[in-house]
N, C-alpha and C. Protein backbone atom coordinates (compact mmCIF):
# COMPACT_ATOMS: atom_id res chain seq x y z
N MET A 1 104.09 157.68 27.56
CA MET A 1 104.68 157.99 28.86
C MET A 1 103.65 158.64 29.80
N LYS A 2 102.83 159.53 29.22
CA LYS A 2 101.82 160.21 30.02
C LYS A 2 100.82 159.19 30.58
N LYS A 3 100.40 158.23 29.76
CA LYS A 3 99.46 157.21 30.21
C LYS A 3 100.07 156.36 31.31
N LEU A 4 101.36 156.09 31.19
CA LEU A 4 102.05 155.30 32.22
C LEU A 4 102.07 156.05 33.54
N LYS A 5 102.32 157.33 33.50
CA LYS A 5 102.33 158.14 34.73
C LYS A 5 100.95 158.16 35.38
N ILE A 6 99.92 158.30 34.54
CA ILE A 6 98.56 158.29 35.08
C ILE A 6 98.25 156.95 35.72
N LEU A 7 98.66 155.88 35.06
CA LEU A 7 98.43 154.53 35.60
C LEU A 7 99.16 154.35 36.93
N LEU A 8 100.39 154.82 37.01
CA LEU A 8 101.16 154.71 38.26
C LEU A 8 100.53 155.53 39.38
N LEU A 9 100.03 156.71 39.03
CA LEU A 9 99.37 157.56 40.03
C LEU A 9 98.08 156.91 40.55
N LEU A 10 97.33 156.33 39.63
CA LEU A 10 96.10 155.66 40.03
C LEU A 10 96.38 154.45 40.91
N THR A 11 97.43 153.71 40.55
CA THR A 11 97.82 152.55 41.36
C THR A 11 98.26 152.98 42.75
N ALA A 12 99.05 154.05 42.81
CA ALA A 12 99.52 154.56 44.10
C ALA A 12 98.34 155.05 44.94
N PHE A 13 97.40 155.71 44.30
CA PHE A 13 96.22 156.21 45.01
C PHE A 13 95.38 155.05 45.55
N MET A 14 95.22 154.00 44.76
CA MET A 14 94.45 152.83 45.19
C MET A 14 95.13 152.15 46.38
N LEU A 15 96.45 151.98 46.30
CA LEU A 15 97.17 151.35 47.40
C LEU A 15 97.09 152.17 48.67
N PHE A 16 97.19 153.49 48.51
CA PHE A 16 97.07 154.38 49.67
C PHE A 16 95.68 154.24 50.30
N GLY A 17 94.65 154.17 49.45
CA GLY A 17 93.29 154.01 49.95
C GLY A 17 93.09 152.71 50.70
N LEU A 18 93.68 151.63 50.18
CA LEU A 18 93.56 150.33 50.84
C LEU A 18 94.21 150.36 52.22
N VAL A 19 95.41 150.93 52.28
CA VAL A 19 96.14 150.99 53.55
C VAL A 19 95.40 151.89 54.54
N LEU A 20 94.93 153.04 54.07
CA LEU A 20 94.23 153.98 54.94
C LEU A 20 92.96 153.37 55.50
N THR A 21 92.18 152.71 54.65
CA THR A 21 90.95 152.06 55.09
C THR A 21 91.24 150.99 56.13
N ASN A 22 92.28 150.21 55.90
CA ASN A 22 92.67 149.16 56.83
C ASN A 22 93.01 149.75 58.20
N GLU A 23 93.81 150.79 58.21
CA GLU A 23 94.25 151.38 59.47
C GLU A 23 93.10 152.06 60.20
N LEU A 24 92.21 152.71 59.47
CA LEU A 24 91.08 153.38 60.10
C LEU A 24 90.15 152.39 60.79
N MET A 25 89.91 151.25 60.15
CA MET A 25 89.03 150.24 60.77
C MET A 25 89.65 149.69 62.04
N SER A 26 90.95 149.45 62.01
CA SER A 26 91.63 148.95 63.21
C SER A 26 91.57 149.99 64.32
N PHE A 27 91.76 151.25 63.96
CA PHE A 27 91.75 152.34 64.95
C PHE A 27 90.37 152.51 65.57
N GLN A 28 89.33 152.48 64.74
CA GLN A 28 87.97 152.70 65.22
C GLN A 28 87.49 151.56 66.12
N ALA A 29 88.03 150.36 65.92
CA ALA A 29 87.57 149.19 66.69
C ALA A 29 88.31 149.00 68.00
N ARG A 30 89.34 149.78 68.24
CA ARG A 30 90.28 149.48 69.33
C ARG A 30 89.62 149.45 70.71
N HIS A 31 88.55 150.21 70.92
CA HIS A 31 87.90 150.23 72.23
C HIS A 31 86.80 149.19 72.38
N TYR A 32 86.59 148.40 71.34
CA TYR A 32 85.47 147.45 71.35
C TYR A 32 85.92 145.99 71.24
N ILE A 33 87.22 145.76 71.23
CA ILE A 33 87.72 144.39 71.12
C ILE A 33 88.48 144.01 72.39
N TYR A 34 88.34 142.74 72.76
CA TYR A 34 88.90 142.26 74.02
C TYR A 34 89.65 140.95 73.81
N ASP A 35 90.68 140.77 74.64
CA ASP A 35 91.51 139.57 74.56
C ASP A 35 91.30 138.61 75.71
N THR A 36 90.63 139.05 76.78
CA THR A 36 90.44 138.20 77.95
C THR A 36 88.98 138.18 78.38
N THR A 37 88.56 137.07 78.94
CA THR A 37 87.19 136.96 79.43
C THR A 37 86.98 137.84 80.66
N GLU A 38 88.05 138.13 81.40
CA GLU A 38 87.93 138.97 82.58
C GLU A 38 87.54 140.40 82.21
N ALA A 39 88.07 140.89 81.10
CA ALA A 39 87.86 142.29 80.73
C ALA A 39 86.58 142.54 79.94
N ILE A 40 86.12 141.55 79.21
CA ILE A 40 85.00 141.79 78.30
C ILE A 40 83.67 141.89 79.05
N PRO A 41 82.83 142.86 78.69
CA PRO A 41 81.51 142.96 79.32
C PRO A 41 80.63 141.78 78.91
N LYS A 42 79.56 141.59 79.67
CA LYS A 42 78.62 140.50 79.39
C LYS A 42 77.61 140.92 78.34
N ASN A 43 77.24 139.99 77.48
CA ASN A 43 76.18 140.19 76.50
C ASN A 43 75.30 138.95 76.49
N LYS A 44 74.08 139.10 76.05
CA LYS A 44 73.17 137.96 75.98
C LYS A 44 73.65 136.93 74.95
N VAL A 45 74.10 137.42 73.79
CA VAL A 45 74.42 136.53 72.67
C VAL A 45 75.83 136.76 72.15
N GLY A 46 76.52 135.65 71.90
CA GLY A 46 77.81 135.69 71.22
C GLY A 46 77.62 135.20 69.80
N LEU A 47 78.15 135.94 68.84
CA LEU A 47 78.02 135.62 67.43
C LEU A 47 79.33 135.06 66.89
N ILE A 48 79.34 133.77 66.57
CA ILE A 48 80.52 133.18 65.92
C ILE A 48 80.43 133.43 64.42
N LEU A 49 81.46 134.06 63.86
CA LEU A 49 81.52 134.24 62.42
C LEU A 49 82.06 132.96 61.79
N GLY A 50 81.37 132.48 60.79
CA GLY A 50 81.63 131.15 60.24
C GLY A 50 83.00 130.94 59.63
N ALA A 51 83.40 129.70 59.61
CA ALA A 51 84.64 129.25 58.97
C ALA A 51 84.50 127.76 58.71
N GLY A 52 85.14 127.28 57.67
CA GLY A 52 85.13 125.85 57.40
C GLY A 52 86.01 125.11 58.39
N LYS A 53 85.61 123.91 58.76
CA LYS A 53 86.37 123.15 59.76
C LYS A 53 87.69 122.63 59.20
N TYR A 54 87.72 122.33 57.90
CA TYR A 54 88.91 121.71 57.32
C TYR A 54 89.51 122.58 56.22
N THR A 55 90.80 122.53 56.10
CA THR A 55 91.49 123.21 55.01
C THR A 55 91.43 122.33 53.76
N GLN A 56 91.90 122.85 52.65
CA GLN A 56 91.89 122.08 51.40
C GLN A 56 92.76 120.83 51.50
N SER A 57 93.75 120.87 52.38
CA SER A 57 94.64 119.72 52.55
C SER A 57 94.05 118.67 53.50
N GLY A 58 92.89 118.98 54.08
CA GLY A 58 92.23 118.02 54.97
C GLY A 58 92.56 118.18 56.43
N HIS A 59 93.37 119.17 56.78
CA HIS A 59 93.71 119.41 58.18
C HIS A 59 92.66 120.31 58.84
N ILE A 60 92.60 120.27 60.17
CA ILE A 60 91.69 121.15 60.89
C ILE A 60 92.10 122.60 60.64
N ASN A 61 91.14 123.42 60.29
CA ASN A 61 91.36 124.85 60.09
C ASN A 61 91.54 125.52 61.45
N SER A 62 92.70 126.09 61.68
CA SER A 62 92.97 126.68 63.00
C SER A 62 92.08 127.88 63.29
N TYR A 63 91.66 128.62 62.26
CA TYR A 63 90.72 129.72 62.48
C TYR A 63 89.41 129.18 63.06
N TYR A 64 88.94 128.07 62.52
CA TYR A 64 87.73 127.42 63.02
C TYR A 64 87.94 126.96 64.47
N GLN A 65 89.02 126.25 64.71
CA GLN A 65 89.28 125.68 66.03
C GLN A 65 89.37 126.75 67.11
N PHE A 66 90.06 127.85 66.79
CA PHE A 66 90.25 128.90 67.79
C PHE A 66 88.97 129.69 68.04
N ARG A 67 88.11 129.82 67.02
CA ARG A 67 86.81 130.48 67.24
C ARG A 67 85.92 129.61 68.12
N LEU A 68 85.98 128.32 67.89
CA LEU A 68 85.24 127.38 68.72
C LEU A 68 85.72 127.49 70.17
N ASP A 69 87.01 127.49 70.38
CA ASP A 69 87.58 127.60 71.73
C ASP A 69 87.13 128.90 72.40
N ALA A 70 87.16 129.99 71.64
CA ALA A 70 86.80 131.30 72.20
C ALA A 70 85.34 131.34 72.63
N ALA A 71 84.46 130.76 71.83
CA ALA A 71 83.04 130.74 72.19
C ALA A 71 82.81 129.94 73.47
N VAL A 72 83.49 128.82 73.60
CA VAL A 72 83.37 128.00 74.81
C VAL A 72 83.89 128.78 76.02
N GLU A 73 85.00 129.47 75.86
CA GLU A 73 85.57 130.27 76.94
C GLU A 73 84.57 131.33 77.43
N LEU A 74 83.97 132.04 76.50
CA LEU A 74 83.00 133.09 76.87
C LEU A 74 81.80 132.50 77.58
N TYR A 75 81.28 131.41 77.05
CA TYR A 75 80.09 130.82 77.66
C TYR A 75 80.38 130.31 79.06
N LYS A 76 81.48 129.61 79.23
CA LYS A 76 81.81 129.04 80.54
C LYS A 76 82.22 130.11 81.55
N ALA A 77 82.64 131.29 81.05
CA ALA A 77 82.96 132.40 81.94
C ALA A 77 81.73 133.22 82.28
N GLY A 78 80.59 132.85 81.73
CA GLY A 78 79.35 133.57 82.01
C GLY A 78 79.23 134.90 81.30
N LYS A 79 80.00 135.09 80.23
CA LYS A 79 79.98 136.37 79.52
C LYS A 79 79.00 136.39 78.35
N ILE A 80 78.46 135.23 78.00
CA ILE A 80 77.36 135.14 77.04
C ILE A 80 76.41 134.04 77.51
N GLU A 81 75.12 134.19 77.17
CA GLU A 81 74.12 133.19 77.56
C GLU A 81 73.77 132.26 76.39
N PHE A 82 73.86 132.79 75.19
CA PHE A 82 73.52 132.03 73.99
C PHE A 82 74.62 132.20 72.95
N ILE A 83 74.69 131.24 72.04
CA ILE A 83 75.66 131.32 70.96
C ILE A 83 74.91 131.24 69.63
N LEU A 84 75.10 132.26 68.82
CA LEU A 84 74.53 132.31 67.47
C LEU A 84 75.66 132.02 66.49
N ILE A 85 75.50 130.99 65.69
CA ILE A 85 76.53 130.61 64.72
C ILE A 85 76.05 131.01 63.34
N SER A 86 76.79 131.87 62.68
CA SER A 86 76.38 132.36 61.37
C SER A 86 77.43 131.98 60.34
N GLY A 87 77.00 131.26 59.31
CA GLY A 87 77.97 130.82 58.31
C GLY A 87 77.31 130.40 57.02
N ASP A 88 78.12 129.86 56.16
CA ASP A 88 77.71 129.47 54.82
C ASP A 88 77.09 128.07 54.84
N ASN A 89 75.93 127.96 54.22
CA ASN A 89 75.30 126.66 54.03
C ASN A 89 74.78 126.59 52.59
N GLY A 90 75.58 127.14 51.67
CA GLY A 90 75.14 127.28 50.30
C GLY A 90 75.23 126.03 49.46
N ARG A 91 75.90 124.99 49.99
CA ARG A 91 76.02 123.72 49.25
C ARG A 91 75.61 122.57 50.16
N THR A 92 75.11 121.52 49.57
CA THR A 92 74.62 120.38 50.37
C THR A 92 75.75 119.71 51.14
N THR A 93 76.97 119.84 50.66
CA THR A 93 78.11 119.18 51.31
C THR A 93 78.90 120.13 52.22
N TYR A 94 78.37 121.34 52.42
CA TYR A 94 79.12 122.33 53.21
C TYR A 94 78.16 123.06 54.13
N ASP A 95 78.33 122.91 55.44
CA ASP A 95 77.39 123.46 56.40
C ASP A 95 78.17 123.94 57.63
N GLU A 96 78.63 125.18 57.59
CA GLU A 96 79.42 125.73 58.70
C GLU A 96 78.65 125.77 60.02
N PRO A 97 77.41 126.29 60.05
CA PRO A 97 76.72 126.39 61.34
C PRO A 97 76.52 125.06 62.05
N THR A 98 76.08 124.05 61.30
CA THR A 98 75.82 122.75 61.93
C THR A 98 77.10 122.10 62.43
N THR A 99 78.18 122.26 61.70
CA THR A 99 79.47 121.71 62.13
C THR A 99 79.91 122.34 63.44
N PHE A 100 79.80 123.66 63.53
CA PHE A 100 80.12 124.35 64.78
C PHE A 100 79.22 123.84 65.92
N LYS A 101 77.93 123.72 65.64
CA LYS A 101 76.98 123.28 66.67
C LYS A 101 77.37 121.91 67.22
N THR A 102 77.68 121.00 66.34
CA THR A 102 78.06 119.64 66.77
C THR A 102 79.27 119.67 67.69
N ASP A 103 80.26 120.49 67.33
CA ASP A 103 81.47 120.56 68.15
C ASP A 103 81.25 121.31 69.45
N LEU A 104 80.38 122.31 69.43
CA LEU A 104 80.06 123.02 70.67
C LEU A 104 79.36 122.10 71.66
N ILE A 105 78.42 121.31 71.18
CA ILE A 105 77.71 120.36 72.06
C ILE A 105 78.70 119.36 72.64
N ALA A 106 79.64 118.92 71.82
CA ALA A 106 80.67 117.98 72.30
C ALA A 106 81.55 118.60 73.37
N ARG A 107 81.63 119.94 73.36
CA ARG A 107 82.43 120.66 74.36
C ARG A 107 81.60 121.07 75.57
N GLY A 108 80.36 120.64 75.64
CA GLY A 108 79.57 120.87 76.84
C GLY A 108 78.58 122.02 76.77
N ILE A 109 78.40 122.64 75.59
CA ILE A 109 77.42 123.72 75.48
C ILE A 109 76.04 123.10 75.24
N PRO A 110 75.03 123.44 76.06
CA PRO A 110 73.69 122.86 75.88
C PRO A 110 73.11 123.21 74.50
N GLU A 111 72.44 122.26 73.89
CA GLU A 111 71.89 122.47 72.55
C GLU A 111 70.88 123.61 72.52
N ASN A 112 70.12 123.79 73.60
CA ASN A 112 69.10 124.84 73.61
C ASN A 112 69.69 126.24 73.78
N LYS A 113 71.00 126.31 73.93
CA LYS A 113 71.68 127.61 74.01
C LYS A 113 72.34 127.99 72.68
N ILE A 114 72.12 127.19 71.67
CA ILE A 114 72.77 127.40 70.37
C ILE A 114 71.72 127.69 69.30
N PHE A 115 71.95 128.76 68.54
CA PHE A 115 71.09 129.11 67.42
C PHE A 115 71.92 129.18 66.16
N LEU A 116 71.29 128.81 65.04
CA LEU A 116 72.01 128.72 63.78
C LEU A 116 71.47 129.72 62.76
N ASP A 117 72.38 130.38 62.09
CA ASP A 117 72.03 131.27 60.97
C ASP A 117 72.68 130.69 59.72
N TYR A 118 71.88 130.12 58.86
CA TYR A 118 72.40 129.44 57.68
C TYR A 118 72.66 130.39 56.50
N ALA A 119 72.37 131.67 56.68
CA ALA A 119 72.53 132.62 55.57
C ALA A 119 73.62 133.64 55.84
N GLY A 120 74.63 133.24 56.61
CA GLY A 120 75.76 134.13 56.87
C GLY A 120 76.83 133.97 55.79
N PHE A 121 76.48 134.34 54.57
CA PHE A 121 77.37 134.10 53.44
C PHE A 121 78.62 134.99 53.47
N ARG A 122 78.51 136.12 54.14
CA ARG A 122 79.68 136.98 54.35
C ARG A 122 79.48 137.75 55.63
N THR A 123 80.49 138.47 56.05
CA THR A 123 80.46 139.12 57.36
C THR A 123 79.30 140.09 57.48
N LEU A 124 79.05 140.87 56.45
CA LEU A 124 77.94 141.82 56.49
C LEU A 124 76.62 141.10 56.76
N ASP A 125 76.38 140.00 56.06
CA ASP A 125 75.15 139.23 56.26
C ASP A 125 75.05 138.74 57.71
N SER A 126 76.14 138.19 58.23
CA SER A 126 76.12 137.65 59.59
C SER A 126 75.81 138.72 60.62
N VAL A 127 76.46 139.86 60.48
CA VAL A 127 76.30 140.95 61.46
C VAL A 127 74.91 141.56 61.38
N VAL A 128 74.48 141.92 60.19
CA VAL A 128 73.17 142.58 60.05
C VAL A 128 72.03 141.63 60.40
N ARG A 129 72.14 140.37 60.02
CA ARG A 129 71.08 139.40 60.33
C ARG A 129 70.96 139.15 61.83
N SER A 130 72.05 139.32 62.57
CA SER A 130 71.96 139.15 64.03
C SER A 130 70.96 140.13 64.63
N LYS A 131 70.81 141.29 63.99
CA LYS A 131 69.84 142.28 64.44
C LYS A 131 68.49 142.09 63.77
N GLU A 132 68.48 142.01 62.45
CA GLU A 132 67.24 142.02 61.69
C GLU A 132 66.45 140.71 61.83
N ILE A 133 67.15 139.59 61.96
CA ILE A 133 66.47 138.30 62.06
C ILE A 133 66.41 137.81 63.51
N PHE A 134 67.51 137.97 64.23
CA PHE A 134 67.59 137.40 65.58
C PHE A 134 67.38 138.44 66.69
N GLY A 135 67.11 139.68 66.31
CA GLY A 135 66.66 140.69 67.26
C GLY A 135 67.68 141.21 68.25
N GLN A 136 68.97 141.14 67.92
CA GLN A 136 70.00 141.54 68.87
C GLN A 136 70.57 142.92 68.53
N ASP A 137 70.27 143.90 69.39
CA ASP A 137 70.83 145.24 69.22
C ASP A 137 72.23 145.34 69.81
N SER A 138 72.54 144.43 70.74
CA SER A 138 73.87 144.35 71.35
C SER A 138 74.37 142.92 71.20
N ILE A 139 75.62 142.76 70.83
CA ILE A 139 76.12 141.41 70.56
C ILE A 139 77.63 141.35 70.77
N THR A 140 78.11 140.15 71.10
CA THR A 140 79.56 139.92 71.19
C THR A 140 79.99 139.08 70.00
N ILE A 141 80.83 139.66 69.17
CA ILE A 141 81.31 138.98 67.96
C ILE A 141 82.53 138.13 68.32
N ILE A 142 82.62 136.94 67.75
CA ILE A 142 83.71 136.02 68.06
C ILE A 142 84.43 135.63 66.78
N SER A 143 85.66 136.08 66.67
CA SER A 143 86.51 135.71 65.54
C SER A 143 87.94 136.17 65.86
N GLN A 144 88.82 136.09 64.87
CA GLN A 144 90.18 136.61 65.06
C GLN A 144 90.15 138.14 65.01
N GLN A 145 91.17 138.77 65.57
CA GLN A 145 91.15 140.23 65.70
C GLN A 145 90.97 140.95 64.37
N PHE A 146 91.70 140.54 63.34
CA PHE A 146 91.60 141.23 62.05
C PHE A 146 90.17 141.18 61.52
N HIS A 147 89.49 140.06 61.74
CA HIS A 147 88.12 139.89 61.29
C HIS A 147 87.16 140.65 62.19
N ASN A 148 87.41 140.62 63.48
CA ASN A 148 86.58 141.35 64.43
C ASN A 148 86.56 142.84 64.14
N GLU A 149 87.71 143.39 63.77
CA GLU A 149 87.78 144.83 63.51
C GLU A 149 86.85 145.22 62.36
N ARG A 150 86.83 144.42 61.32
CA ARG A 150 85.93 144.70 60.19
C ARG A 150 84.47 144.50 60.60
N ALA A 151 84.20 143.45 61.37
CA ALA A 151 82.84 143.19 61.82
C ALA A 151 82.32 144.31 62.72
N ILE A 152 83.17 144.83 63.59
CA ILE A 152 82.79 145.94 64.45
C ILE A 152 82.44 147.17 63.61
N TYR A 153 83.25 147.44 62.61
CA TYR A 153 82.99 148.56 61.71
C TYR A 153 81.61 148.42 61.07
N LEU A 154 81.30 147.25 60.56
CA LEU A 154 80.00 147.01 59.94
C LEU A 154 78.88 147.15 60.97
N ALA A 155 79.06 146.56 62.14
CA ALA A 155 78.02 146.61 63.17
C ALA A 155 77.69 148.05 63.56
N LYS A 156 78.70 148.85 63.81
CA LYS A 156 78.49 150.22 64.23
C LYS A 156 77.75 151.02 63.16
N ASN A 157 78.05 150.74 61.91
CA ASN A 157 77.41 151.47 60.81
C ASN A 157 76.02 150.96 60.48
N TYR A 158 75.65 149.81 61.04
CA TYR A 158 74.30 149.30 60.84
C TYR A 158 73.49 149.32 62.14
N GLY A 159 73.91 150.16 63.07
CA GLY A 159 73.12 150.41 64.27
C GLY A 159 73.14 149.31 65.30
N ILE A 160 74.24 148.56 65.37
CA ILE A 160 74.35 147.47 66.33
C ILE A 160 75.44 147.81 67.35
N ASN A 161 75.12 147.69 68.61
CA ASN A 161 76.07 147.97 69.69
C ASN A 161 76.91 146.71 69.92
N ALA A 162 77.99 146.59 69.18
CA ALA A 162 78.78 145.35 69.20
C ALA A 162 80.12 145.54 69.91
N ILE A 163 80.53 144.45 70.57
CA ILE A 163 81.90 144.31 71.05
C ILE A 163 82.40 142.99 70.47
N ALA A 164 83.69 142.71 70.64
CA ALA A 164 84.22 141.48 70.05
C ALA A 164 85.26 140.84 70.96
N TYR A 165 85.30 139.52 70.90
CA TYR A 165 86.28 138.74 71.64
C TYR A 165 87.25 138.14 70.64
N ASN A 166 88.52 138.40 70.83
CA ASN A 166 89.54 137.94 69.90
C ASN A 166 89.91 136.48 70.15
N ALA A 167 89.55 135.63 69.21
CA ALA A 167 90.04 134.26 69.25
C ALA A 167 91.53 134.26 68.95
N LYS A 168 92.20 133.23 69.37
CA LYS A 168 93.62 133.10 69.07
C LYS A 168 93.85 133.15 67.57
N ASP A 169 94.91 133.80 67.15
CA ASP A 169 95.19 133.93 65.72
C ASP A 169 95.89 132.69 65.19
N SER A 170 95.86 132.56 63.88
CA SER A 170 96.52 131.44 63.23
C SER A 170 97.83 131.90 62.62
N TYR A 171 98.85 131.08 62.74
CA TYR A 171 100.16 131.44 62.18
C TYR A 171 100.63 130.38 61.19
N ASN A 172 99.65 129.81 60.47
CA ASN A 172 100.03 128.81 59.46
C ASN A 172 100.46 129.49 58.17
N HIS A 173 100.74 128.70 57.15
CA HIS A 173 101.28 129.24 55.91
C HIS A 173 100.26 130.07 55.13
N GLN A 174 98.97 129.99 55.53
CA GLN A 174 97.93 130.77 54.86
C GLN A 174 97.76 132.16 55.44
N ARG A 175 98.48 132.47 56.52
CA ARG A 175 98.24 133.73 57.23
C ARG A 175 98.50 134.94 56.35
N SER A 176 99.59 134.95 55.61
CA SER A 176 99.92 136.10 54.77
C SER A 176 98.87 136.31 53.69
N LYS A 177 98.41 135.22 53.12
CA LYS A 177 97.37 135.29 52.08
C LYS A 177 96.08 135.85 52.67
N THR A 178 95.73 135.40 53.87
CA THR A 178 94.52 135.88 54.53
C THR A 178 94.60 137.36 54.82
N ARG A 179 95.75 137.81 55.32
CA ARG A 179 95.92 139.23 55.63
C ARG A 179 95.87 140.08 54.37
N PHE A 180 96.41 139.60 53.29
CA PHE A 180 96.38 140.33 52.02
C PHE A 180 94.94 140.51 51.55
N ARG A 181 94.16 139.44 51.64
CA ARG A 181 92.75 139.51 51.23
C ARG A 181 91.96 140.46 52.11
N GLU A 182 92.38 140.58 53.37
CA GLU A 182 91.65 141.43 54.30
C GLU A 182 91.66 142.90 53.87
N TYR A 183 92.75 143.36 53.23
CA TYR A 183 92.79 144.74 52.73
C TYR A 183 91.62 144.99 51.78
N PHE A 184 91.38 144.06 50.89
CA PHE A 184 90.31 144.22 49.91
C PHE A 184 88.94 144.00 50.55
N ALA A 185 88.87 143.11 51.53
CA ALA A 185 87.60 142.88 52.24
C ALA A 185 87.18 144.14 52.99
N ARG A 186 88.14 144.85 53.55
CA ARG A 186 87.82 146.08 54.27
C ARG A 186 87.39 147.19 53.31
N ALA A 187 88.03 147.25 52.17
CA ALA A 187 87.62 148.23 51.16
C ALA A 187 86.20 147.96 50.72
N LYS A 188 85.88 146.67 50.50
CA LYS A 188 84.53 146.29 50.10
C LYS A 188 83.52 146.62 51.20
N ALA A 189 83.90 146.41 52.45
CA ALA A 189 83.02 146.72 53.57
C ALA A 189 82.69 148.21 53.61
N SER A 190 83.68 149.05 53.37
CA SER A 190 83.45 150.50 53.39
C SER A 190 82.52 150.91 52.25
N ILE A 191 82.66 150.29 51.10
CA ILE A 191 81.77 150.58 49.97
C ILE A 191 80.36 150.12 50.28
N ASP A 192 80.24 148.94 50.91
CA ASP A 192 78.92 148.43 51.29
C ASP A 192 78.20 149.38 52.25
N VAL A 193 78.95 149.94 53.19
CA VAL A 193 78.36 150.89 54.14
C VAL A 193 77.89 152.14 53.41
N ILE A 194 78.73 152.66 52.53
CA ILE A 194 78.37 153.86 51.78
C ILE A 194 77.11 153.62 50.94
N CYS A 195 77.02 152.44 50.36
CA CYS A 195 75.88 152.10 49.48
C CYS A 195 74.71 151.49 50.24
N ASN A 196 74.86 151.34 51.57
CA ASN A 196 73.81 150.77 52.41
C ASN A 196 73.34 149.40 51.89
N VAL A 197 74.30 148.54 51.60
CA VAL A 197 74.01 147.20 51.08
C VAL A 197 73.34 146.36 52.16
N GLU A 198 72.34 145.59 51.78
CA GLU A 198 71.62 144.71 52.70
C GLU A 198 72.09 143.26 52.53
N PRO A 199 71.81 142.40 53.51
CA PRO A 199 72.16 140.98 53.36
C PRO A 199 71.50 140.35 52.15
N LYS A 200 72.08 139.28 51.66
CA LYS A 200 71.52 138.57 50.51
C LYS A 200 70.12 138.06 50.81
N PHE A 201 69.93 137.55 52.03
CA PHE A 201 68.61 137.05 52.44
C PHE A 201 68.26 137.64 53.80
N LEU A 202 66.99 137.93 54.01
CA LEU A 202 66.49 138.25 55.34
C LEU A 202 65.51 137.13 55.72
N GLY A 203 64.23 137.45 55.85
CA GLY A 203 63.31 136.35 56.13
C GLY A 203 62.62 136.46 57.47
N LYS A 204 62.10 135.32 57.94
CA LYS A 204 61.31 135.25 59.16
C LYS A 204 62.19 135.47 60.39
N LYS A 205 61.67 136.25 61.33
CA LYS A 205 62.42 136.55 62.55
C LYS A 205 62.45 135.31 63.47
N ILE A 206 63.58 135.17 64.17
CA ILE A 206 63.78 134.06 65.10
C ILE A 206 64.14 134.64 66.47
N GLU A 207 63.33 134.37 67.45
CA GLU A 207 63.55 134.92 68.78
C GLU A 207 64.54 134.06 69.57
N ILE A 208 65.55 134.70 70.13
CA ILE A 208 66.52 134.00 70.97
C ILE A 208 66.09 134.17 72.43
N LYS A 209 65.73 133.05 73.05
CA LYS A 209 65.30 133.12 74.46
C LYS A 209 65.45 131.76 75.13
């Protein structure tokens, strides 16, 4: 019985920590996230956080589509000059940055205004590499609000003056699963900050100009 009580207390403590971490990140990001192009300040570079274009069922991933739309909105509103796409390219058959680039060009974004980061394996990598590899101390992050809040937290703790533009959210059947995973992703982000974790890869600097 004593072991059961200890287990229940530990479980309750862990759940409390997850909820608290989630709420603190949302609270800390509230002044740095924007929903309209009219309100958001201008930055040189907008950073799209990667996503796969298709779901497992073969349909267009709405998270991908809405991030693409948001990047086009910012560029055409004159709120960013360049677009940096950071995503996973860990398999020969999966290339998030290039897929985004192809669709951005089809939407009228000039190719010379697009830069690709093929080593954005997770949010921390994408955010930190925007500074360490692409030289951006200030950046506009582009993703859904729940993701932007975590990215802002990481950026601020790694010395990056970041703001974020909220792409339209997805309300498909995967939304609840995504939100559940976000609790653990935020906990991991806080641990990474405490441990000063670096990106998986760094490498040669690339100048955006």
